[in-house]
């Protein structure tokens, strides 16, 4: 039964693995999972971790990424995803869902959900998607209070608190570097600078900041899509692909629905669908059947 209904690796071990990965000298690749089964695929294929995007969670709910989701919704989805994988989960905690005390509570709730780390950002509320224009950031001192509150609430010292700054696109890269240094002093373990544009921008940040760094390789944004090997050579510790799986799935679903609407049948789409056998393999149907048979191992005799 071990590992059937939930991944066998304890949350504390996942957090320790996350810490070790960031210090390994090898870039840690965290694709986004929009549901638990995608996280199962991410682990099977061989990535180092799983990312849970706030933008994707908002989109799944039919909402824009402007801070409308709640801590309950985010932690609930994170817990569902963490349950099925042995990999560490980094989750998007937006601005901490309120004031510094809310950020502190956010960390405790996410720890309880089995998450390995979260990132908090320095945008004002209501926030905007990091690759859109019109963003605004809070004063550095306010973000420092947010981070210090989050760090103070951490019970597992291996829970990674990542500070995201959106200042590069507003105040410039030099200002973002100064913020990153202040956030490190406040206790951030990892720095996420949003919307850097070129490899030279990423390299400039790496040269100026000693803290482990995260690169966001999201599609259709402001950043060039830089290969993981290049980011590793620059010195980045981690890369996320936050919306890739969701975009792939939505594109396929939209195309398929159009064909069903036009043709009146899905028969022409079968070669673009995951077959039942592969789904059952990912879900480990056979092991569930074996478990069911092992616990229901008696027969009811008829009365004579």
Protein backbone atom coordinates (compact mmCIF):
# COMPACT_ATOMS: atom_id res chain seq x y z
CA UNK A 1 0.00 0.00 0.00
CA UNK A 2 3.03 2.27 0.50
CA UNK A 3 3.02 5.07 -2.04
CA UNK A 4 -0.35 4.15 -3.51
CA UNK A 5 -2.75 6.69 -2.05
CA UNK A 6 0.01 9.19 -1.34
CA UNK A 7 3.67 9.59 -2.21
CA UNK A 8 5.85 7.93 0.44
CA UNK A 9 8.39 10.75 0.79
CA UNK A 10 7.69 12.91 3.89
CA UNK A 11 7.35 16.66 3.43
CA UNK A 12 10.48 17.25 5.53
CA UNK A 13 12.53 15.10 3.15
CA UNK A 14 11.17 16.96 0.12
CA UNK A 15 12.21 20.26 1.70
CA UNK A 16 15.68 18.94 2.45
CA UNK A 17 15.96 17.76 -1.16
CA UNK A 18 14.93 21.22 -2.37
CA UNK A 19 17.65 22.84 -0.25
CA UNK A 20 20.22 20.34 -1.47
CA UNK A 21 19.21 20.90 -5.08
CA UNK A 22 19.63 24.65 -4.81
CA UNK A 23 23.16 24.11 -3.44
CA UNK A 24 24.11 21.37 -5.90
CA UNK A 25 25.49 23.52 -8.71
CA UNK A 26 22.97 21.92 -11.09
CA UNK A 27 19.94 23.86 -12.20
CA UNK A 28 16.68 22.66 -10.69
CA UNK A 29 13.90 22.45 -13.28
CA UNK A 30 10.35 22.92 -11.95
CA UNK A 31 7.61 22.72 -14.61
CA UNK A 32 4.17 23.91 -13.58
CA UNK A 33 1.50 21.35 -12.71
CA UNK A 34 -2.13 22.40 -13.06
CA UNK A 35 -3.38 19.21 -11.41
CA UNK A 36 -1.96 16.25 -9.48
CA UNK A 37 -1.76 13.94 -12.49
CA UNK A 38 0.49 16.41 -14.33
CA UNK A 39 2.76 16.37 -11.28
CA UNK A 40 2.91 12.57 -11.63
CA UNK A 41 4.10 13.03 -15.20
CA UNK A 42 6.69 15.62 -14.18
CA UNK A 43 8.18 13.17 -11.69
CA UNK A 44 8.08 10.23 -14.11
CA UNK A 45 9.86 12.19 -16.84
CA UNK A 46 12.68 13.12 -14.48
CA UNK A 47 12.42 16.77 -13.45
CA UNK A 48 13.73 17.95 -10.10
CA UNK A 49 10.57 19.56 -8.76
CA UNK A 50 7.06 20.86 -9.40
CA UNK A 51 5.83 24.44 -9.52
CA UNK A 52 2.28 25.54 -8.72
CA UNK A 53 1.42 28.82 -10.45
CA UNK A 54 -0.99 31.38 -9.07
CA UNK A 55 -1.73 32.55 -12.61
CA UNK A 56 -2.72 29.03 -13.63
CA UNK A 57 -4.87 28.52 -10.55
CA UNK A 58 -6.66 31.80 -11.31
CA UNK A 59 -7.13 30.81 -14.95
CA UNK A 60 -8.54 27.42 -13.99
CA UNK A 61 -11.16 29.28 -11.96
CA UNK A 62 -11.93 31.56 -14.91
CA UNK A 63 -10.34 34.56 -13.19
CA UNK A 64 -7.54 36.94 -14.20
CA UNK A 65 -4.29 36.88 -12.25
CA UNK A 66 -4.96 39.98 -10.16
CA UNK A 67 -4.96 38.59 -6.64
CA UNK A 68 -8.54 37.27 -6.52
CA UNK A 69 -7.67 33.79 -5.29
CA UNK A 70 -7.56 32.97 -1.60
CA UNK A 71 -5.06 31.22 0.65
CA UNK A 72 -7.55 28.38 1.08
CA UNK A 73 -7.80 27.83 -2.68
CA UNK A 74 -4.05 28.01 -3.22
CA UNK A 75 -3.06 25.79 -0.29
CA UNK A 76 -5.78 23.29 -1.16
CA UNK A 77 -4.54 22.84 -4.69
CA UNK A 78 -0.94 22.71 -3.45
CA UNK A 79 -1.81 19.97 -0.96
CA UNK A 80 -3.53 17.93 -3.68
CA UNK A 81 -0.43 18.14 -5.88
CA UNK A 82 2.05 17.53 -3.06
CA UNK A 83 0.18 14.37 -2.07
CA UNK A 84 0.99 12.51 -5.29
CA UNK A 85 4.67 13.33 -5.83
CA UNK A 86 7.97 12.67 -4.13
CA UNK A 87 9.31 15.90 -5.64
CA UNK A 88 9.47 19.22 -3.79
CA UNK A 89 6.74 21.75 -4.58
CA UNK A 90 7.36 25.49 -4.91
CA UNK A 91 4.08 27.39 -4.82
CA UNK A 92 3.12 30.93 -5.77
CA UNK A 93 1.86 32.72 -2.65
CA UNK A 94 1.28 36.09 -4.38
CA UNK A 95 1.77 38.92 -1.89
CA UNK A 96 1.12 36.69 1.13
CA UNK A 97 -2.64 37.27 1.01
CA UNK A 98 -2.65 40.43 3.08
CA UNK A 99 -0.56 42.19 5.67
CA UNK A 100 2.71 40.80 7.15
CA UNK A 101 0.76 38.74 9.69
CA UNK A 102 -1.18 37.17 6.81
CA UNK A 103 2.12 36.31 5.13
CA UNK A 104 3.20 34.61 8.35
CA UNK A 105 0.01 32.56 8.47
CA UNK A 106 0.45 31.71 4.79
CA UNK A 107 3.76 30.01 5.56
CA UNK A 108 2.26 27.91 8.36
CA UNK A 109 -0.67 26.83 6.17
CA UNK A 110 1.59 25.90 3.27
CA UNK A 111 3.90 23.95 5.57
CA UNK A 112 0.89 22.02 6.83
CA UNK A 113 -0.08 21.29 3.21
CA UNK A 114 3.23 19.53 2.57
CA UNK A 115 4.72 22.24 0.36
CA UNK A 116 8.52 22.64 0.16
CA UNK A 117 8.63 26.39 -0.43
CA UNK A 118 6.73 29.47 -1.56
CA UNK A 119 7.47 32.79 -3.15
CA UNK A 120 6.19 36.13 -1.95
CA UNK A 121 6.27 39.18 -4.20
CA UNK A 122 6.71 42.90 -3.68
CA UNK A 123 3.77 44.11 -5.76
CA UNK A 124 1.00 46.23 -4.30
CA UNK A 125 -2.51 44.86 -3.98
CA UNK A 126 -4.30 44.16 -6.23
CA UNK A 127 -1.34 42.53 -7.98
CA UNK A 128 -0.95 41.96 -11.72
CA UNK A 129 0.60 39.20 -13.78
CA UNK A 130 4.36 39.76 -13.68
CA UNK A 131 4.77 40.10 -17.45
CA UNK A 132 2.08 42.76 -17.89
CA UNK A 133 2.59 46.49 -17.85
CA UNK A 134 1.04 48.73 -15.21
CA UNK A 135 2.52 46.97 -12.18
CA UNK A 136 3.45 48.80 -9.00
CA UNK A 137 5.71 47.68 -6.16
CA UNK A 138 5.53 48.46 -2.46
CA UNK A 139 8.42 50.30 -0.77
CA UNK A 140 11.37 48.03 0.02
CA UNK A 141 10.79 48.42 3.76
CA UNK A 142 7.25 47.10 3.43
CA UNK A 143 8.39 44.01 1.56
CA UNK A 144 11.11 43.46 4.15
CA UNK A 145 8.43 43.41 6.87
CA UNK A 146 6.44 40.90 4.77
CA UNK A 147 9.45 38.63 4.44
CA UNK A 148 10.53 38.89 8.07
CA UNK A 149 7.03 37.91 9.15
CA UNK A 150 7.08 34.92 6.83
CA UNK A 151 10.52 33.81 8.02
CA UNK A 152 9.51 34.16 11.67
CA UNK A 153 6.54 31.82 11.15
CA UNK A 154 8.59 29.04 9.55
CA UNK A 155 8.82 25.91 11.69
CA UNK A 156 10.79 23.69 9.33
CA UNK A 157 14.10 25.52 8.65
CA UNK A 158 14.29 23.79 5.27
CA UNK A 159 11.05 25.38 4.04
CA UNK A 160 12.29 27.69 1.28
CA UNK A 161 11.08 31.28 1.33
CA UNK A 162 11.65 32.90 -2.03
CA UNK A 163 11.39 36.66 -2.53
CA UNK A 164 10.10 37.78 -5.89
CA UNK A 165 10.72 41.32 -7.05
CA UNK A 166 8.87 42.96 -9.92
CA UNK A 167 11.00 46.10 -9.69
CA UNK A 168 13.18 45.46 -12.77
CA UNK A 169 10.43 46.45 -15.19
CA UNK A 170 9.40 49.47 -13.10
CA UNK A 171 12.49 50.92 -11.43
CA UNK A 172 15.23 49.20 -13.46
CA UNK A 173 17.60 46.29 -12.89
CA UNK A 174 19.87 48.20 -10.50
CA UNK A 175 16.93 48.96 -8.24
CA UNK A 176 15.86 45.32 -8.39
CA UNK A 177 19.37 44.27 -7.36
CA UNK A 178 19.25 46.56 -4.34
CA UNK A 179 15.88 45.10 -3.39
CA UNK A 180 17.23 41.56 -3.77
CA UNK A 181 20.05 42.36 -1.35
CA UNK A 182 17.61 43.81 1.17
CA UNK A 183 15.34 40.78 0.81
CA UNK A 184 18.28 38.47 1.42
CA UNK A 185 19.10 40.41 4.59
CA UNK A 186 15.46 39.91 5.65
CA UNK A 187 15.90 36.15 5.42
CA UNK A 188 14.94 35.17 1.87
CA UNK A 189 16.57 31.92 0.77
CA UNK A 190 15.98 32.38 -2.96
CA UNK A 191 15.49 35.43 -5.19
CA UNK A 192 13.08 35.52 -8.15
CA UNK A 193 13.47 38.57 -10.38
CA UNK A 194 10.48 38.85 -12.69
CA UNK A 195 10.56 39.95 -16.33
CA UNK A 196 14.29 40.15 -17.00
CA UNK A 197 14.66 40.25 -20.77
CA UNK A 198 17.99 38.93 -22.05
CA UNK A 199 20.77 36.55 -20.99
CA UNK A 200 22.85 39.65 -20.26
CA UNK A 201 20.19 40.84 -17.80
CA UNK A 202 20.20 37.46 -16.04
CA UNK A 203 24.02 37.49 -15.96
CA UNK A 204 24.10 41.01 -14.50
CA UNK A 205 21.80 39.93 -11.71
CA UNK A 206 23.86 36.82 -11.00
CA UNK A 207 27.08 38.86 -10.76
CA UNK A 208 25.51 41.29 -8.30
CA UNK A 209 23.61 38.94 -5.97
CA UNK A 210 25.11 36.00 -4.06
CA UNK A 211 21.78 34.43 -3.02
CA UNK A 212 20.44 31.45 -5.01
CA UNK A 213 18.46 32.71 -8.01
CA UNK A 214 15.33 31.56 -9.83
CA UNK A 215 14.62 32.25 -13.53
CA UNK A 216 11.08 32.36 -14.88
CA UNK A 217 10.85 30.98 -18.42
CA UNK A 218 7.23 31.74 -19.18
CA UNK A 219 6.01 31.91 -22.76
CA UNK A 220 4.73 35.05 -24.50
CA UNK A 221 6.23 37.29 -21.83
CA UNK A 222 9.08 39.77 -21.65
CA UNK A 223 11.89 37.28 -21.10
CA UNK A 224 13.74 35.46 -23.86
CA UNK A 225 13.23 31.70 -23.58
CA UNK A 226 16.72 30.73 -22.46
CA UNK A 227 17.69 27.03 -22.33
CA UNK A 228 18.21 25.53 -18.90
CA UNK A 229 21.85 24.70 -19.72
CA UNK A 230 22.54 28.35 -20.52
CA UNK A 231 20.91 29.50 -17.30
CA UNK A 232 22.99 26.96 -15.40
CA UNK A 233 26.17 28.24 -17.05
CA UNK A 234 25.23 31.79 -16.02
CA UNK A 235 24.93 30.51 -12.47
CA UNK A 236 21.19 30.24 -11.90
CA UNK A 237 20.05 27.67 -9.39
CA UNK A 238 16.48 27.08 -10.53
CA UNK A 239 14.14 27.60 -13.47
CA UNK A 240 10.35 27.41 -13.57
CA UNK A 241 8.05 26.81 -16.55
CA UNK A 242 4.89 28.00 -14.83
CA UNK A 243 2.18 27.92 -17.48
CA UNK A 244 3.61 25.58 -20.15
CA UNK A 245 1.57 22.46 -19.38
CA UNK A 246 -1.62 24.48 -18.96
CA UNK A 247 -1.11 26.25 -22.30
CA UNK A 248 -0.40 22.96 -24.04
CA UNK A 249 -3.54 21.40 -22.60
CA UNK A 250 -5.77 24.39 -23.37
CA UNK A 251 -4.52 24.59 -26.96
CA UNK A 252 -5.24 20.90 -27.50
CA UNK A 253 -8.66 21.12 -25.85
CA UNK A 254 -9.69 24.16 -27.91
CA UNK A 255 -8.56 22.57 -31.18
CA UNK A 256 -10.33 19.33 -30.37
CA UNK A 257 -13.57 21.01 -29.38
CA UNK A 258 -13.61 22.94 -32.64
CA UNK A 259 -13.21 19.71 -34.59
CA UNK A 260 -15.97 17.96 -32.65
CA UNK A 261 -18.24 20.96 -33.22
CA UNK A 262 -17.49 20.98 -36.94
CA UNK A 263 -17.28 17.26 -37.71
CA UNK A 264 -19.84 16.04 -35.20
CA UNK A 265 -17.47 13.33 -33.96
CA UNK A 266 -14.16 12.97 -32.16
CA UNK A 267 -13.07 10.01 -34.28
CA UNK A 268 -10.44 12.08 -36.09
CA UNK A 269 -8.84 13.12 -32.82
CA UNK A 270 -8.01 9.73 -31.33
CA UNK A 271 -4.33 9.88 -32.29
CA UNK A 272 -4.06 13.15 -30.34
CA UNK A 273 -5.62 11.71 -27.17
CA UNK A 274 -3.96 9.90 -24.30
CA UNK A 275 -5.26 6.32 -24.56
CA UNK A 276 -7.09 4.70 -21.71
CA UNK A 277 -4.20 2.27 -21.13
CA UNK A 278 -1.73 5.12 -20.55
CA UNK A 279 -4.08 6.91 -18.19
CA UNK A 280 -4.58 3.72 -16.19
CA UNK A 281 -0.83 3.24 -16.09
CA UNK A 282 -0.31 6.71 -14.60
CA UNK A 283 -3.13 6.10 -12.12
CA UNK A 284 -1.70 2.66 -11.22
CA UNK A 285 -5.06 0.96 -11.58
CA UNK A 286 -3.48 -2.49 -11.39
CA UNK A 287 -1.96 -1.81 -7.97
CA UNK A 288 -5.28 -0.58 -6.65
CA UNK A 289 -6.90 -3.79 -7.87
CA UNK A 290 -4.17 -5.83 -6.17
CA UNK A 291 -4.68 -3.92 -2.92
CA UNK A 292 -8.45 -4.33 -3.10
CA UNK A 293 -8.09 -8.06 -3.63
CA UNK A 294 -5.65 -8.42 -0.76
CA UNK A 295 -7.95 -6.79 1.80
CA UNK A 296 -11.19 -8.30 0.49
CA UNK A 297 -9.97 -11.89 0.67
CA UNK A 298 -12.96 -13.79 2.01
CA UNK A 299 -16.08 -15.31 0.55
CA UNK A 300 -19.48 -15.30 2.14
CA UNK A 301 -20.83 -18.84 2.53
CA UNK A 302 -24.47 -19.41 1.76
CA UNK A 303 -26.61 -20.67 4.58
CA UNK A 304 -27.08 -24.42 4.31
